Every structure is written in structure tokens, then in C-alpha cells.
Amino acid sequence: MERVAVVTGGASGIGASISEHLARAGHRVAVLDRDAGAARDVAASLPTEACAVEADVSDAHAVRQAFEAVRAQLGPVHVLVTSAAVSGFTPFADITPEQFERYLRVNLVGTFHCLQAALPDMTAAGWGRIVTISSAAGQSGALHQGHYAASKGGVIAMTKSVALEYASKGITANTLPPFSVDTPLLRTAQEAGAVPPAKYLERMIPAGRVGTGDDIAAVCTFLCSDAAAYLTGQVVAVNGGALT
């Protein structure tokens, strides 16, 4: 069934792959991103009705305006995927309060703003699908990523809480915590020497390869379907067996 899906951070990396997969599944897709030009490019490439919406998810007012724009262009929102995030590497002792707060603001509080903006439409319809993109760092911690891991651990806990509160309303909420996925962010980190080259990462992954955006998007699209109605509050680790 065709529904309206909002994908935050939908203009690049995992978010762009998810936007494409949801569109292929027949959903009308709103690509929400800080990069308006990239969001327009992705929306224009999708094989279904789509729109691009510019917003910084850490800004509650901007998020509310963005969701109103989506409703005006595509209709009520019944699918939400939160992929917008910031990432980086800093030794724990060197993380400044400003850095720590920024990671929480974008990754955790930004997810909160989007959930609050979407849930009224889902509640009114008695149907909704939420998939948050968290991280393996939020499950196990990560070297030099204390700020990032803390924010993504919070996303996991919040998703579980939303799942419990809204299960009786026909709304599911699950989280996908990727390990290593070939995205522009990963390649930038590799070039900076913060993350090992792919040939070394592959040795850490039982499946023998780094993940792709399509790997994450395929599972995300299932979680956003009618077939996943009885699956909620789960951490679905699409990571090639790297963390079990």
C-alpha cells in the first residue's frame, strides 16, 4: 500500500539508499536533509512522487515546519526513518562540552523532534512505521566515539520506549544499528586515518565485506511494510555478523 514516508538525512549515504528503496516499494517519499540541493537531486531521481524538504533536525521549529510542508505536498506521514546524524572521532578527554552537546542535539534530540512531529499522523491513522538508524557504537561503545556512542545508545533506548507506548495504536518502532557501511562518511574517516581501510574492516566482519546502503535499506523497507506488523521494539542488527 502506498504511504507517505519521511527519510531524514535522506540526501546521502544510508538515507539516500533508504529513500530509493521506499520509493521502489511504492511509497511517496519526502527527502529531508540540511543539504537542500542534494535533497532535490535525490527526490528528482526517485521513481515515485517525492519532494525535498530542507531542515536541521536539531531545530524543533524547523522540523515542525518541514513536516507541515510534507503534509501539504504529499499528505499525512505514516512512515518515518531517521537517518540524519553527525559522526566523528575524538579521544574522550578531548571532547568539549560543545561537541558532546552537538552530538546529542543532532543524533538524539533531532530524532526526538522528528518522532514527535510524525506520531500524531500515525496515531490518527491507527497505523505507523518508525525505523531509527542507530549504530553498533550505541550497543558496544566505540574507540574515540564517546559522544557518538552516547547519542546512538540514547536513540536505541528511546526507540524501545516509543515501541512500548505505541504498539497498541498500530504503530511499530524498531532500530537498525549499522556496523561499517560504505558511505561518504566512512570513506572520509578512512582518508583521515580514523577508520582502517576496507581490507582490514572485512577481517572484523564474518560476512567478509563492508556493508552497503542497500543492505540497510532492504531491511528497513521490510520494517516499514504491513508484513512487519508484529515486529516492534527490536534492535535489528544488519552488520554481517560483526556484532551479535
Protein backbone atom coordinates (compact mmCIF):
# COMPACT_ATOMS: atom_id res chain seq x y z
CA MET A 1 0.00 0.00 0.00
CA GLU A 2 1.32 3.43 -0.94
CA ARG A 3 2.01 5.69 2.02
CA VAL A 4 3.96 8.88 2.72
CA ALA A 5 7.44 8.28 4.10
CA VAL A 6 9.83 10.86 5.53
CA VAL A 7 13.52 9.98 5.48
CA THR A 8 15.74 12.32 7.46
CA GLY A 9 19.31 12.59 6.24
CA GLY A 10 17.80 11.23 3.05
CA ALA A 11 20.10 13.02 0.63
CA SER A 12 23.23 10.91 1.09
CA GLY A 13 24.64 7.62 2.28
CA ILE A 14 22.30 5.21 4.01
CA GLY A 15 19.45 7.74 3.91
CA ALA A 16 19.63 8.06 0.13
CA SER A 17 19.55 4.28 -0.27
CA ILE A 18 16.53 4.06 2.01
CA SER A 19 14.75 6.82 0.08
CA GLU A 20 15.28 4.87 -3.13
CA HIS A 21 14.12 1.53 -1.71
CA LEU A 22 10.98 3.03 -0.14
CA ALA A 23 10.15 4.71 -3.43
CA ARG A 24 10.58 1.41 -5.28
CA ALA A 25 8.15 -0.12 -2.79
CA GLY A 26 5.59 2.46 -3.92
CA HIS A 27 5.75 4.98 -1.11
CA ARG A 28 5.66 8.72 -1.70
CA VAL A 29 8.94 9.93 -0.22
CA ALA A 30 9.95 13.18 1.43
CA VAL A 31 13.73 13.56 1.44
CA LEU A 32 14.52 15.71 4.48
CA ASP A 33 18.07 16.99 4.73
CA ARG A 34 20.14 20.06 5.63
CA ASP A 35 21.58 19.99 2.11
CA ALA A 36 18.66 21.30 0.07
CA GLY A 37 20.36 20.81 -3.30
CA ALA A 38 21.30 17.20 -2.62
CA ALA A 39 17.79 16.52 -1.29
CA ARG A 40 16.28 17.88 -4.51
CA ASP A 41 18.60 15.71 -6.60
CA VAL A 42 17.63 12.56 -4.71
CA ALA A 43 13.92 13.40 -4.79
CA ALA A 44 14.07 14.04 -8.53
CA SER A 45 15.71 10.65 -9.10
CA LEU A 46 13.05 8.63 -7.31
CA PRO A 47 10.55 6.52 -9.30
CA THR A 48 7.53 7.80 -7.41
CA GLU A 49 6.02 11.07 -6.19
CA ALA A 50 8.60 12.74 -3.97
CA CYS A 51 9.63 16.06 -2.52
CA ALA A 52 12.70 17.60 -0.95
CA VAL A 53 12.49 19.41 2.38
CA GLU A 54 15.33 21.37 3.94
CA ALA A 55 15.64 21.20 7.73
CA ASP A 56 18.12 20.89 10.56
CA VAL A 57 16.66 18.15 12.76
CA SER A 58 18.20 19.70 15.88
CA ASP A 59 15.83 22.69 15.43
CA ALA A 60 12.36 21.78 16.73
CA HIS A 61 10.65 24.66 14.91
CA ALA A 62 12.34 23.78 11.61
CA VAL A 63 11.25 20.15 11.99
CA ARG A 64 7.63 21.14 12.61
CA GLN A 65 7.68 23.38 9.54
CA ALA A 66 9.26 20.63 7.46
CA PHE A 67 6.57 18.12 8.39
CA GLU A 68 3.85 20.66 7.60
CA ALA A 69 5.45 21.12 4.18
CA VAL A 70 5.43 17.35 3.64
CA ARG A 71 1.76 17.13 4.59
CA ALA A 72 0.92 19.95 2.19
CA GLN A 73 2.79 18.33 -0.71
CA LEU A 74 2.32 14.60 -0.16
CA GLY A 75 -0.18 14.04 2.66
CA PRO A 76 -0.08 12.72 6.25
CA VAL A 77 3.10 10.95 7.32
CA HIS A 78 2.78 7.26 8.17
CA VAL A 79 6.39 6.10 7.72
CA LEU A 80 9.40 7.74 9.37
CA VAL A 81 13.04 6.77 9.01
CA THR A 82 15.54 8.85 10.99
CA SER A 83 18.95 8.69 9.36
CA ALA A 84 20.18 12.26 9.93
CA ALA A 85 23.27 12.27 12.12
CA VAL A 86 26.72 13.65 12.77
CA SER A 87 29.71 11.42 13.35
CA GLY A 88 33.38 11.79 14.14
CA PHE A 89 36.32 10.67 16.22
CA THR A 90 37.76 12.45 19.25
CA PRO A 91 39.65 11.00 22.21
CA PHE A 92 37.32 11.08 25.19
CA ALA A 93 39.45 13.51 27.20
CA ASP A 94 39.41 15.95 24.29
CA ILE A 95 35.65 16.02 23.71
CA THR A 96 34.44 19.52 24.56
CA PRO A 97 31.06 20.15 26.19
CA GLU A 98 30.04 21.92 22.98
CA GLN A 99 30.92 18.86 20.86
CA PHE A 100 29.12 16.50 23.20
CA GLU A 101 26.00 18.66 23.21
CA ARG A 102 26.04 18.94 19.41
CA TYR A 103 26.08 15.16 19.00
CA LEU A 104 23.20 14.81 21.41
CA ARG A 105 21.31 17.67 19.75
CA VAL A 106 21.52 16.23 16.25
CA ASN A 107 21.55 12.48 16.80
CA LEU A 108 19.29 12.06 19.82
CA VAL A 109 17.26 15.23 20.26
CA GLY A 110 16.86 15.53 16.48
CA THR A 111 15.37 12.04 16.39
CA PHE A 112 13.06 13.02 19.24
CA HIS A 113 11.82 16.09 17.34
CA CYS A 114 11.04 14.00 14.25
CA LEU A 115 9.24 11.30 16.22
CA GLN A 116 7.04 13.89 17.93
CA ALA A 117 6.27 15.53 14.59
CA ALA A 118 5.25 12.27 12.89
CA LEU A 119 3.39 10.40 15.62
CA PRO A 120 0.13 12.42 15.53
CA ASP A 121 -0.48 11.40 11.89
CA MET A 122 0.26 7.76 12.69
CA THR A 123 -1.96 7.78 15.76
CA ALA A 124 -4.84 9.30 13.80
CA ALA A 125 -4.50 6.62 11.13
CA GLY A 126 -4.07 3.74 13.57
CA TRP A 127 -1.02 2.69 11.54
CA GLY A 128 2.60 3.74 11.52
CA ARG A 129 6.13 2.55 10.95
CA ILE A 130 9.19 4.09 12.61
CA VAL A 131 12.75 2.98 11.92
CA THR A 132 15.58 4.81 13.62
CA ILE A 133 19.12 4.42 12.32
CA SER A 134 21.29 4.00 15.39
CA SER A 135 24.75 2.41 15.41
CA ALA A 136 26.73 -0.56 16.65
CA ALA A 137 28.64 2.08 18.64
CA GLY A 138 25.48 2.59 20.67
CA GLN A 139 25.42 -1.11 21.50
CA SER A 140 29.05 -1.79 22.36
CA GLY A 141 30.80 1.58 22.53
CA ALA A 142 33.49 2.71 20.10
CA LEU A 143 37.05 3.95 20.37
CA HIS A 144 37.26 7.76 20.31
CA GLN A 145 33.48 7.99 19.83
CA GLY A 146 32.19 8.54 23.34
CA HIS A 147 29.95 11.39 22.18
CA TYR A 148 28.62 9.49 19.16
CA ALA A 149 28.11 6.22 21.06
CA ALA A 150 26.23 8.01 23.85
CA SER A 151 23.88 9.69 21.38
CA LYS A 152 23.18 6.48 19.46
CA GLY A 153 22.70 4.46 22.64
CA GLY A 154 20.05 7.00 23.55
CA VAL A 155 18.38 6.50 20.17
CA ILE A 156 18.14 2.76 20.84
CA ALA A 157 16.58 3.27 24.28
CA MET A 158 14.14 5.92 23.02
CA THR A 159 13.03 3.71 20.14
CA LYS A 160 12.25 0.87 22.53
CA SER A 161 10.25 3.24 24.73
CA VAL A 162 8.21 4.53 21.79
CA ALA A 163 7.57 0.95 20.68
CA LEU A 164 6.12 0.07 24.09
CA GLU A 165 3.94 3.16 24.26
CA TYR A 166 2.50 2.98 20.74
CA ALA A 167 2.22 -0.76 19.98
CA SER A 168 -1.48 -0.78 20.88
CA LYS A 169 -2.09 2.02 18.37
CA GLY A 170 -0.92 0.06 15.33
CA ILE A 171 2.49 1.76 15.29
CA THR A 172 5.79 -0.12 15.29
CA ALA A 173 9.20 1.31 16.17
CA ASN A 174 12.46 -0.53 15.52
CA THR A 175 16.09 0.49 15.21
CA LEU A 176 18.83 -0.52 12.79
CA PRO A 177 22.38 -0.20 14.21
CA PRO A 178 24.86 -0.48 11.31
CA PHE A 179 28.48 -1.51 11.87
CA SER A 180 30.67 -0.50 8.90
CA VAL A 181 28.78 0.66 5.82
CA ASP A 182 30.37 2.06 2.67
CA THR A 183 29.18 5.67 2.74
CA PRO A 184 30.81 9.07 2.11
CA LEU A 185 31.18 9.45 5.90
CA LEU A 186 33.07 6.17 6.20
CA ARG A 187 35.35 6.99 3.29
CA THR A 188 36.13 10.41 4.77
CA ALA A 189 37.01 8.80 8.09
CA GLN A 190 39.24 6.29 6.31
CA GLU A 191 41.04 9.05 4.43
CA ALA A 192 41.64 10.82 7.75
CA GLY A 193 43.08 7.64 9.25
CA ALA A 194 40.36 7.37 11.89
CA VAL A 195 38.97 4.11 10.44
CA PRO A 196 41.02 1.25 8.93
CA PRO A 197 40.88 0.59 5.16
CA ALA A 198 38.19 -1.79 3.89
CA LYS A 199 40.56 -4.76 3.67
CA TYR A 200 41.11 -4.57 7.43
CA LEU A 201 37.47 -3.93 8.28
CA GLU A 202 36.49 -7.01 6.27
CA ARG A 203 38.53 -9.19 8.64
CA MET A 204 36.32 -7.99 11.51
CA ILE A 205 33.11 -8.93 9.71
CA PRO A 206 32.18 -12.62 9.44
CA ALA A 207 30.35 -11.98 6.15
CA GLY A 208 33.71 -10.89 4.72
CA ARG A 209 32.73 -7.48 3.40
CA VAL A 210 31.75 -3.99 4.43
CA GLY A 211 28.02 -3.33 4.28
CA THR A 212 26.24 -1.23 1.68
CA GLY A 213 23.41 1.23 1.86
CA ASP A 214 21.28 -1.31 0.03
CA ASP A 215 21.88 -3.88 2.80
CA ILE A 216 20.43 -1.49 5.36
CA ALA A 217 17.68 -0.19 3.09
CA ALA A 218 16.34 -3.63 2.21
CA VAL A 219 15.70 -4.49 5.85
CA CYS A 220 14.40 -1.00 6.58
CA THR A 221 11.85 -1.31 3.77
CA PHE A 222 10.58 -4.58 5.23
CA LEU A 223 10.23 -3.00 8.67
CA CYS A 224 8.14 -0.24 7.05
CA SER A 225 5.73 -2.73 5.46
CA ASP A 226 2.45 -4.29 6.51
CA ALA A 227 4.27 -7.62 6.81
CA ALA A 228 6.26 -6.31 9.79
CA ALA A 229 3.22 -5.52 11.91
CA TYR A 230 4.22 -7.85 14.76
CA LEU A 231 7.84 -6.73 14.93
CA THR A 232 8.40 -3.80 17.24
CA GLY A 233 10.86 -2.59 19.87
CA GLN A 234 13.67 -4.55 18.25
CA VAL A 235 17.32 -3.83 17.56
CA VAL A 236 17.75 -5.36 14.09
CA ALA A 237 21.49 -5.57 13.56
CA VAL A 238 22.27 -5.61 9.83
CA ASN A 239 26.03 -5.96 10.26
CA GLY A 240 27.27 -9.12 8.54
CA GLY A 241 27.67 -10.81 11.91
CA ALA A 242 30.16 -8.26 13.26
CA LEU A 243 28.18 -7.83 16.48
CA THR A 244 25.76 -10.48 17.71
